[in-house]
N, C-alpha and C. Protein backbone atom coordinates (compact mmCIF):
# COMPACT_ATOMS: atom_id res chain seq x y z
N MET A 1 -11.40 -109.76 -118.42
CA MET A 1 -10.04 -110.24 -118.59
C MET A 1 -9.88 -111.59 -117.87
N GLN A 2 -10.47 -111.71 -116.70
CA GLN A 2 -10.35 -112.97 -115.96
C GLN A 2 -11.00 -114.12 -116.73
N SER A 3 -12.11 -113.85 -117.36
CA SER A 3 -12.78 -114.87 -118.16
C SER A 3 -11.88 -115.33 -119.30
N TYR A 4 -11.22 -114.38 -119.96
CA TYR A 4 -10.29 -114.72 -121.05
C TYR A 4 -9.17 -115.62 -120.53
N VAL A 5 -8.60 -115.24 -119.41
CA VAL A 5 -7.49 -116.02 -118.85
C VAL A 5 -7.96 -117.42 -118.47
N ASN A 6 -9.10 -117.51 -117.78
CA ASN A 6 -9.59 -118.81 -117.31
C ASN A 6 -10.06 -119.73 -118.43
N LYS A 7 -10.72 -119.16 -119.43
CA LYS A 7 -11.36 -119.98 -120.46
C LYS A 7 -10.51 -120.20 -121.71
N ILE A 8 -9.57 -119.30 -121.96
CA ILE A 8 -8.80 -119.39 -123.21
C ILE A 8 -7.30 -119.52 -122.95
N LEU A 9 -6.72 -118.53 -122.29
CA LEU A 9 -5.27 -118.49 -122.15
C LEU A 9 -4.71 -119.65 -121.32
N ALA A 10 -5.21 -119.82 -120.10
CA ALA A 10 -4.68 -120.88 -119.23
C ALA A 10 -4.86 -122.27 -119.84
N PRO A 11 -6.06 -122.60 -120.39
CA PRO A 11 -6.19 -123.91 -121.03
C PRO A 11 -5.24 -124.08 -122.22
N TYR A 12 -5.02 -123.00 -122.96
CA TYR A 12 -4.08 -123.07 -124.09
C TYR A 12 -2.67 -123.37 -123.59
N PHE A 13 -2.23 -122.64 -122.59
CA PHE A 13 -0.89 -122.89 -122.03
C PHE A 13 -0.77 -124.32 -121.51
N GLU A 14 -1.82 -124.80 -120.84
CA GLU A 14 -1.80 -126.17 -120.31
C GLU A 14 -1.66 -127.19 -121.44
N GLN A 15 -2.40 -126.98 -122.52
CA GLN A 15 -2.34 -127.90 -123.66
C GLN A 15 -0.96 -127.89 -124.31
N VAL A 16 -0.40 -126.71 -124.50
CA VAL A 16 0.93 -126.60 -125.12
C VAL A 16 1.98 -127.30 -124.26
N LYS A 17 1.90 -127.11 -122.95
CA LYS A 17 2.85 -127.78 -122.06
C LYS A 17 2.71 -129.29 -122.16
N LYS A 18 1.48 -129.76 -122.21
CA LYS A 18 1.22 -131.20 -122.30
C LYS A 18 1.81 -131.77 -123.59
N VAL A 19 1.55 -131.10 -124.72
CA VAL A 19 2.06 -131.55 -126.02
C VAL A 19 3.59 -131.55 -126.03
N ALA A 20 4.18 -130.55 -125.38
CA ALA A 20 5.65 -130.43 -125.34
C ALA A 20 6.28 -131.35 -124.30
N GLY A 21 5.45 -132.07 -123.55
CA GLY A 21 5.98 -132.96 -122.54
C GLY A 21 6.52 -132.24 -121.31
N ARG A 22 6.02 -131.06 -121.06
CA ARG A 22 6.45 -130.27 -119.90
C ARG A 22 5.51 -130.52 -118.72
N PRO A 23 6.00 -130.37 -117.51
CA PRO A 23 5.14 -130.57 -116.34
C PRO A 23 4.16 -129.40 -116.20
N PRO A 24 3.00 -129.62 -115.58
CA PRO A 24 2.04 -128.54 -115.37
C PRO A 24 2.63 -127.36 -114.60
N SER A 25 3.66 -127.61 -113.81
CA SER A 25 4.29 -126.54 -113.02
C SER A 25 5.21 -125.65 -113.85
N GLN A 26 5.45 -126.02 -115.11
CA GLN A 26 6.32 -125.23 -116.00
C GLN A 26 5.77 -123.80 -116.11
N LYS A 27 6.62 -122.83 -115.92
CA LYS A 27 6.22 -121.42 -116.04
C LYS A 27 6.04 -121.05 -117.51
N THR A 28 5.10 -120.16 -117.77
CA THR A 28 4.88 -119.63 -119.12
C THR A 28 4.85 -118.12 -119.03
N ILE A 29 5.24 -117.47 -120.11
CA ILE A 29 5.29 -116.01 -120.14
C ILE A 29 4.15 -115.49 -121.02
N TRP A 30 3.43 -114.52 -120.49
CA TRP A 30 2.36 -113.87 -121.23
C TRP A 30 2.77 -112.41 -121.44
N MET A 31 2.99 -112.04 -122.70
CA MET A 31 3.37 -110.66 -123.03
C MET A 31 2.12 -109.81 -123.17
N LEU A 32 2.08 -108.71 -122.42
CA LEU A 32 0.91 -107.83 -122.38
C LEU A 32 1.30 -106.38 -122.69
N ASP A 33 0.34 -105.64 -123.22
CA ASP A 33 0.51 -104.19 -123.35
C ASP A 33 0.43 -103.57 -121.96
N VAL A 34 0.92 -102.37 -121.83
CA VAL A 34 0.84 -101.67 -120.54
C VAL A 34 -0.51 -100.95 -120.44
N TRP A 35 -1.56 -101.71 -120.55
CA TRP A 35 -2.93 -101.22 -120.45
C TRP A 35 -3.30 -101.20 -118.98
N SER A 36 -4.02 -100.18 -118.54
CA SER A 36 -4.27 -99.98 -117.11
C SER A 36 -4.91 -101.19 -116.43
N VAL A 37 -5.86 -101.85 -117.08
CA VAL A 37 -6.52 -103.00 -116.47
C VAL A 37 -5.51 -104.12 -116.22
N GLN A 38 -4.65 -104.35 -117.18
CA GLN A 38 -3.67 -105.44 -117.08
C GLN A 38 -2.56 -105.14 -116.08
N ARG A 39 -2.33 -103.86 -115.81
CA ARG A 39 -1.29 -103.46 -114.86
C ARG A 39 -1.82 -103.28 -113.45
N SER A 40 -3.13 -103.30 -113.28
CA SER A 40 -3.71 -103.01 -111.97
C SER A 40 -3.23 -104.01 -110.91
N GLU A 41 -3.11 -103.52 -109.71
CA GLU A 41 -2.69 -104.37 -108.59
C GLU A 41 -3.68 -105.52 -108.40
N LYS A 42 -4.96 -105.22 -108.57
CA LYS A 42 -6.00 -106.23 -108.41
C LYS A 42 -5.81 -107.38 -109.41
N PHE A 43 -5.58 -107.04 -110.67
CA PHE A 43 -5.40 -108.07 -111.70
C PHE A 43 -4.12 -108.87 -111.46
N ARG A 44 -3.03 -108.17 -111.14
CA ARG A 44 -1.76 -108.86 -110.91
C ARG A 44 -1.84 -109.80 -109.70
N ALA A 45 -2.53 -109.36 -108.65
CA ALA A 45 -2.70 -110.21 -107.46
C ALA A 45 -3.56 -111.42 -107.81
N TRP A 46 -4.61 -111.20 -108.59
CA TRP A 46 -5.47 -112.32 -109.01
C TRP A 46 -4.68 -113.32 -109.84
N MET A 47 -3.88 -112.84 -110.77
CA MET A 47 -3.07 -113.73 -111.61
C MET A 47 -2.10 -114.54 -110.74
N LYS A 48 -1.46 -113.86 -109.80
CA LYS A 48 -0.47 -114.53 -108.96
C LYS A 48 -1.10 -115.64 -108.11
N SER A 49 -2.31 -115.39 -107.61
CA SER A 49 -2.96 -116.40 -106.76
C SER A 49 -3.69 -117.47 -107.57
N THR A 50 -4.27 -117.10 -108.71
CA THR A 50 -5.07 -118.04 -109.49
C THR A 50 -4.25 -118.81 -110.52
N HIS A 51 -3.28 -118.15 -111.13
CA HIS A 51 -2.46 -118.76 -112.18
C HIS A 51 -0.98 -118.49 -111.91
N PRO A 52 -0.43 -119.10 -110.86
CA PRO A 52 0.95 -118.79 -110.47
C PRO A 52 2.01 -119.21 -111.49
N THR A 53 1.65 -120.06 -112.44
CA THR A 53 2.65 -120.47 -113.43
C THR A 53 2.71 -119.53 -114.63
N ILE A 54 1.80 -118.55 -114.68
CA ILE A 54 1.81 -117.59 -115.78
C ILE A 54 2.53 -116.32 -115.32
N ILE A 55 3.62 -116.01 -115.98
CA ILE A 55 4.42 -114.82 -115.66
C ILE A 55 3.97 -113.68 -116.57
N LEU A 56 3.63 -112.54 -115.98
CA LEU A 56 3.21 -111.38 -116.76
C LEU A 56 4.45 -110.60 -117.18
N ASP A 57 4.57 -110.36 -118.47
CA ASP A 57 5.71 -109.62 -119.03
C ASP A 57 5.14 -108.46 -119.83
N TYR A 58 5.32 -107.25 -119.34
CA TYR A 58 4.73 -106.07 -119.98
C TYR A 58 5.64 -105.49 -121.04
N VAL A 59 5.06 -105.24 -122.21
CA VAL A 59 5.78 -104.60 -123.31
C VAL A 59 5.78 -103.11 -123.01
N PRO A 60 6.93 -102.47 -122.92
CA PRO A 60 6.98 -101.03 -122.61
C PRO A 60 6.23 -100.21 -123.66
N GLY A 61 5.67 -99.09 -123.20
CA GLY A 61 4.97 -98.20 -124.11
C GLY A 61 5.84 -97.82 -125.30
N GLY A 62 5.26 -97.82 -126.48
CA GLY A 62 5.99 -97.48 -127.70
C GLY A 62 6.76 -98.63 -128.31
N CYS A 63 6.77 -99.76 -127.64
CA CYS A 63 7.55 -100.92 -128.13
C CYS A 63 6.66 -102.04 -128.68
N THR A 64 5.37 -101.80 -128.78
CA THR A 64 4.46 -102.84 -129.26
C THR A 64 4.88 -103.39 -130.62
N PRO A 65 5.29 -102.55 -131.58
CA PRO A 65 5.69 -103.11 -132.88
C PRO A 65 6.84 -104.10 -132.78
N VAL A 66 7.69 -103.94 -131.78
CA VAL A 66 8.84 -104.83 -131.63
C VAL A 66 8.42 -106.12 -130.92
N GLY A 67 7.71 -105.98 -129.81
CA GLY A 67 7.36 -107.13 -128.99
C GLY A 67 6.10 -107.85 -129.39
N GLN A 68 5.20 -107.15 -130.06
CA GLN A 68 3.93 -107.75 -130.45
C GLN A 68 3.60 -107.35 -131.90
N PRO A 69 4.29 -107.93 -132.85
CA PRO A 69 4.12 -107.51 -134.24
C PRO A 69 2.70 -107.71 -134.78
N CYS A 70 1.97 -108.68 -134.25
CA CYS A 70 0.61 -108.89 -134.75
C CYS A 70 -0.32 -107.75 -134.35
N ASP A 71 -0.03 -107.07 -133.23
CA ASP A 71 -0.82 -105.90 -132.86
C ASP A 71 -0.75 -104.84 -133.94
N VAL A 72 0.42 -104.67 -134.51
CA VAL A 72 0.62 -103.64 -135.53
C VAL A 72 0.30 -104.17 -136.92
N GLY A 73 0.79 -105.35 -137.22
CA GLY A 73 0.69 -105.87 -138.58
C GLY A 73 -0.63 -106.50 -138.95
N MET A 74 -1.37 -107.02 -137.96
CA MET A 74 -2.63 -107.70 -138.25
C MET A 74 -3.82 -107.00 -137.57
N GLN A 75 -3.71 -106.77 -136.28
CA GLN A 75 -4.85 -106.24 -135.54
C GLN A 75 -5.13 -104.78 -135.89
N ARG A 76 -4.09 -104.01 -136.12
CA ARG A 76 -4.30 -102.61 -136.47
C ARG A 76 -5.06 -102.47 -137.78
N PRO A 77 -4.64 -103.15 -138.87
CA PRO A 77 -5.43 -103.06 -140.11
C PRO A 77 -6.86 -103.59 -139.93
N PHE A 78 -7.01 -104.62 -139.10
CA PHE A 78 -8.34 -105.17 -138.84
C PHE A 78 -9.23 -104.11 -138.18
N LYS A 79 -8.72 -103.50 -137.11
CA LYS A 79 -9.49 -102.49 -136.39
C LYS A 79 -9.78 -101.27 -137.26
N LEU A 80 -8.79 -100.84 -138.04
CA LEU A 80 -9.00 -99.70 -138.93
C LEU A 80 -10.07 -100.01 -139.97
N SER A 81 -10.11 -101.24 -140.46
CA SER A 81 -11.12 -101.63 -141.43
C SER A 81 -12.51 -101.61 -140.81
N VAL A 82 -12.64 -102.11 -139.59
CA VAL A 82 -13.93 -102.08 -138.90
C VAL A 82 -14.39 -100.63 -138.72
N LYS A 83 -13.47 -99.77 -138.30
CA LYS A 83 -13.79 -98.35 -138.10
C LYS A 83 -14.23 -97.70 -139.41
N LYS A 84 -13.53 -98.00 -140.49
CA LYS A 84 -13.86 -97.44 -141.81
C LYS A 84 -15.25 -97.90 -142.25
N SER A 85 -15.56 -99.17 -142.05
CA SER A 85 -16.88 -99.68 -142.43
C SER A 85 -17.98 -99.01 -141.61
N TYR A 86 -17.73 -98.82 -140.32
CA TYR A 86 -18.69 -98.13 -139.47
C TYR A 86 -18.93 -96.71 -139.99
N GLN A 87 -17.84 -96.01 -140.29
CA GLN A 87 -17.96 -94.64 -140.78
C GLN A 87 -18.70 -94.58 -142.11
N GLU A 88 -18.47 -95.56 -142.98
CA GLU A 88 -19.19 -95.62 -144.25
C GLU A 88 -20.70 -95.73 -144.00
N ASP A 89 -21.09 -96.56 -143.04
CA ASP A 89 -22.52 -96.71 -142.73
C ASP A 89 -23.11 -95.42 -142.18
N VAL A 90 -22.37 -94.73 -141.32
CA VAL A 90 -22.86 -93.47 -140.75
C VAL A 90 -23.01 -92.41 -141.84
N VAL A 91 -22.02 -92.31 -142.72
CA VAL A 91 -22.09 -91.33 -143.81
C VAL A 91 -23.25 -91.66 -144.73
N LYS A 92 -23.43 -92.93 -145.07
CA LYS A 92 -24.53 -93.35 -145.93
C LYS A 92 -25.88 -92.99 -145.30
N GLU A 93 -26.00 -93.23 -144.00
CA GLU A 93 -27.23 -92.91 -143.28
C GLU A 93 -27.50 -91.40 -143.31
N ALA A 94 -26.46 -90.60 -143.13
CA ALA A 94 -26.61 -89.14 -143.15
C ALA A 94 -26.99 -88.65 -144.54
N ILE A 95 -26.33 -89.17 -145.57
CA ILE A 95 -26.61 -88.75 -146.94
C ILE A 95 -28.05 -89.09 -147.33
N GLU A 96 -28.53 -90.27 -146.94
CA GLU A 96 -29.91 -90.65 -147.22
C GLU A 96 -30.88 -89.66 -146.59
N GLN A 97 -30.60 -89.24 -145.36
CA GLN A 97 -31.48 -88.29 -144.68
C GLN A 97 -31.44 -86.93 -145.36
N ILE A 98 -30.26 -86.52 -145.81
CA ILE A 98 -30.13 -85.24 -146.51
C ILE A 98 -30.92 -85.28 -147.81
N HIS A 99 -30.78 -86.37 -148.57
CA HIS A 99 -31.51 -86.52 -149.84
C HIS A 99 -33.02 -86.58 -149.62
N ASN A 100 -33.44 -87.08 -148.48
CA ASN A 100 -34.87 -87.15 -148.16
C ASN A 100 -35.40 -85.84 -147.61
N GLY A 101 -34.54 -84.84 -147.48
CA GLY A 101 -34.96 -83.52 -147.02
C GLY A 101 -35.07 -83.36 -145.52
N ASN A 102 -34.52 -84.28 -144.78
CA ASN A 102 -34.56 -84.15 -143.32
C ASN A 102 -33.77 -82.92 -142.90
N GLU A 103 -34.37 -82.12 -142.02
CA GLU A 103 -33.67 -80.93 -141.55
C GLU A 103 -32.70 -81.26 -140.42
N THR A 104 -33.02 -82.29 -139.67
CA THR A 104 -32.16 -82.73 -138.58
C THR A 104 -31.68 -84.14 -138.88
N ILE A 105 -30.39 -84.32 -138.80
CA ILE A 105 -29.81 -85.63 -139.06
C ILE A 105 -29.71 -86.37 -137.72
N THR A 106 -30.28 -87.55 -137.67
CA THR A 106 -30.18 -88.39 -136.47
C THR A 106 -29.68 -89.77 -136.88
N PHE A 107 -28.99 -90.40 -135.96
CA PHE A 107 -28.43 -91.72 -136.25
C PHE A 107 -29.09 -92.77 -135.37
N ASP A 108 -29.36 -93.90 -135.98
CA ASP A 108 -29.99 -95.01 -135.27
C ASP A 108 -28.92 -95.76 -134.49
N ASN A 109 -28.90 -95.54 -133.19
CA ASN A 109 -27.87 -96.14 -132.33
C ASN A 109 -28.35 -97.38 -131.58
N ARG A 110 -29.46 -97.94 -132.05
CA ARG A 110 -29.95 -99.14 -131.37
C ARG A 110 -28.96 -100.29 -131.54
N LEU A 111 -28.87 -101.10 -130.51
CA LEU A 111 -27.96 -102.24 -130.52
C LEU A 111 -28.25 -103.17 -131.69
N ALA A 112 -29.53 -103.39 -131.98
CA ALA A 112 -29.91 -104.30 -133.07
C ALA A 112 -29.37 -103.81 -134.41
N VAL A 113 -29.36 -102.51 -134.62
CA VAL A 113 -28.85 -101.95 -135.88
C VAL A 113 -27.35 -102.20 -135.98
N HIS A 114 -26.62 -101.89 -134.92
CA HIS A 114 -25.17 -102.11 -134.93
C HIS A 114 -24.83 -103.60 -135.02
N ARG A 115 -25.62 -104.42 -134.36
CA ARG A 115 -25.40 -105.87 -134.43
C ARG A 115 -25.51 -106.34 -135.88
N ASP A 116 -26.56 -105.91 -136.57
CA ASP A 116 -26.76 -106.34 -137.95
C ASP A 116 -25.68 -105.79 -138.88
N ARG A 117 -25.31 -104.55 -138.68
CA ARG A 117 -24.28 -103.94 -139.53
C ARG A 117 -22.89 -104.53 -139.26
N SER A 118 -22.65 -104.92 -138.02
CA SER A 118 -21.31 -105.39 -137.66
C SER A 118 -20.90 -106.65 -138.41
N VAL A 119 -21.86 -107.40 -138.90
CA VAL A 119 -21.51 -108.59 -139.69
C VAL A 119 -20.71 -108.18 -140.91
N ARG A 120 -21.17 -107.15 -141.62
CA ARG A 120 -20.44 -106.65 -142.79
C ARG A 120 -19.09 -106.08 -142.38
N TRP A 121 -19.07 -105.31 -141.30
CA TRP A 121 -17.82 -104.70 -140.84
C TRP A 121 -16.76 -105.77 -140.60
N LEU A 122 -17.15 -106.83 -139.90
CA LEU A 122 -16.20 -107.90 -139.57
C LEU A 122 -15.79 -108.69 -140.80
N LYS A 123 -16.73 -108.90 -141.73
CA LYS A 123 -16.39 -109.63 -142.96
C LYS A 123 -15.39 -108.83 -143.79
N VAL A 124 -15.62 -107.54 -143.93
CA VAL A 124 -14.69 -106.69 -144.68
C VAL A 124 -13.32 -106.67 -143.99
N ALA A 125 -13.32 -106.56 -142.67
CA ALA A 125 -12.05 -106.54 -141.92
C ALA A 125 -11.31 -107.87 -142.08
N PHE A 126 -12.04 -108.96 -142.02
CA PHE A 126 -11.41 -110.27 -142.21
C PHE A 126 -10.79 -110.36 -143.60
N ASP A 127 -11.54 -109.92 -144.61
CA ASP A 127 -11.01 -109.95 -145.98
C ASP A 127 -9.76 -109.08 -146.11
N THR A 128 -9.71 -108.00 -145.34
CA THR A 128 -8.56 -107.10 -145.36
C THR A 128 -7.29 -107.79 -144.89
N ILE A 129 -7.40 -108.58 -143.83
CA ILE A 129 -6.19 -109.21 -143.29
C ILE A 129 -5.99 -110.65 -143.75
N ASN A 130 -6.97 -111.21 -144.42
CA ASN A 130 -6.84 -112.59 -144.92
C ASN A 130 -6.01 -112.56 -146.20
N ASN A 131 -4.74 -112.29 -146.00
CA ASN A 131 -3.85 -112.01 -147.11
C ASN A 131 -2.48 -112.61 -146.77
N GLU A 132 -2.08 -113.57 -147.55
CA GLU A 132 -0.83 -114.28 -147.27
C GLU A 132 0.37 -113.34 -147.21
N SER A 133 0.40 -112.37 -148.11
CA SER A 133 1.56 -111.46 -148.12
C SER A 133 1.60 -110.60 -146.85
N LEU A 134 0.44 -110.23 -146.31
CA LEU A 134 0.40 -109.46 -145.07
C LEU A 134 0.94 -110.29 -143.91
N VAL A 135 0.53 -111.54 -143.83
CA VAL A 135 1.00 -112.42 -142.77
C VAL A 135 2.51 -112.62 -142.88
N LYS A 136 2.99 -112.83 -144.10
CA LYS A 136 4.43 -113.01 -144.30
C LYS A 136 5.20 -111.75 -143.93
N LYS A 137 4.62 -110.59 -144.24
CA LYS A 137 5.27 -109.32 -143.92
C LYS A 137 5.42 -109.17 -142.40
N VAL A 138 4.36 -109.50 -141.66
CA VAL A 138 4.42 -109.44 -140.20
C VAL A 138 5.46 -110.41 -139.68
N SER A 139 5.45 -111.63 -140.21
CA SER A 139 6.40 -112.66 -139.78
C SER A 139 7.83 -112.23 -140.07
N THR A 140 8.06 -111.68 -141.25
CA THR A 140 9.40 -111.24 -141.64
C THR A 140 9.86 -110.10 -140.73
N ARG A 141 8.96 -109.16 -140.47
CA ARG A 141 9.31 -108.02 -139.62
C ARG A 141 9.69 -108.49 -138.22
N PHE A 142 8.97 -109.47 -137.69
CA PHE A 142 9.25 -109.98 -136.35
C PHE A 142 10.55 -110.78 -136.33
N ASN A 143 10.73 -111.63 -137.31
CA ASN A 143 11.91 -112.51 -137.32
C ASN A 143 13.21 -111.77 -137.65
N SER A 144 13.11 -110.57 -138.21
CA SER A 144 14.33 -109.83 -138.56
C SER A 144 14.85 -109.01 -137.39
N LYS A 145 14.12 -108.95 -136.30
CA LYS A 145 14.53 -108.14 -135.14
C LYS A 145 15.59 -108.84 -134.33
């Protein structure tokens, strides 16, 4: 999480402030889920000392669809698609073993196998959400609140 904040989030906030003509001391709000790592005292203390201009704003449990529509409208279908593709590969692997007469079904859990398969999973997931109407639906849902 610290790497994400240091390498992506903080530089992004700095750039946006610069473009908007705001001083570097301008506070910014980062909306987060109430995930245990993000709520930990250690993380909050690190944020306060390392990035004092970033204010942590936690979305209450059960309110993610309201406060973070992309989590529900874009990321959820993306993650579900990846999971579905993974399950398709596992089922295909099992069926092949059954057709080959294997008495015991085993799955190849090597990192290299998952690495190679994940390319298809991510491509299918991207195709799932790369849809103008889906993006507009998320935008409409958020803007109507």
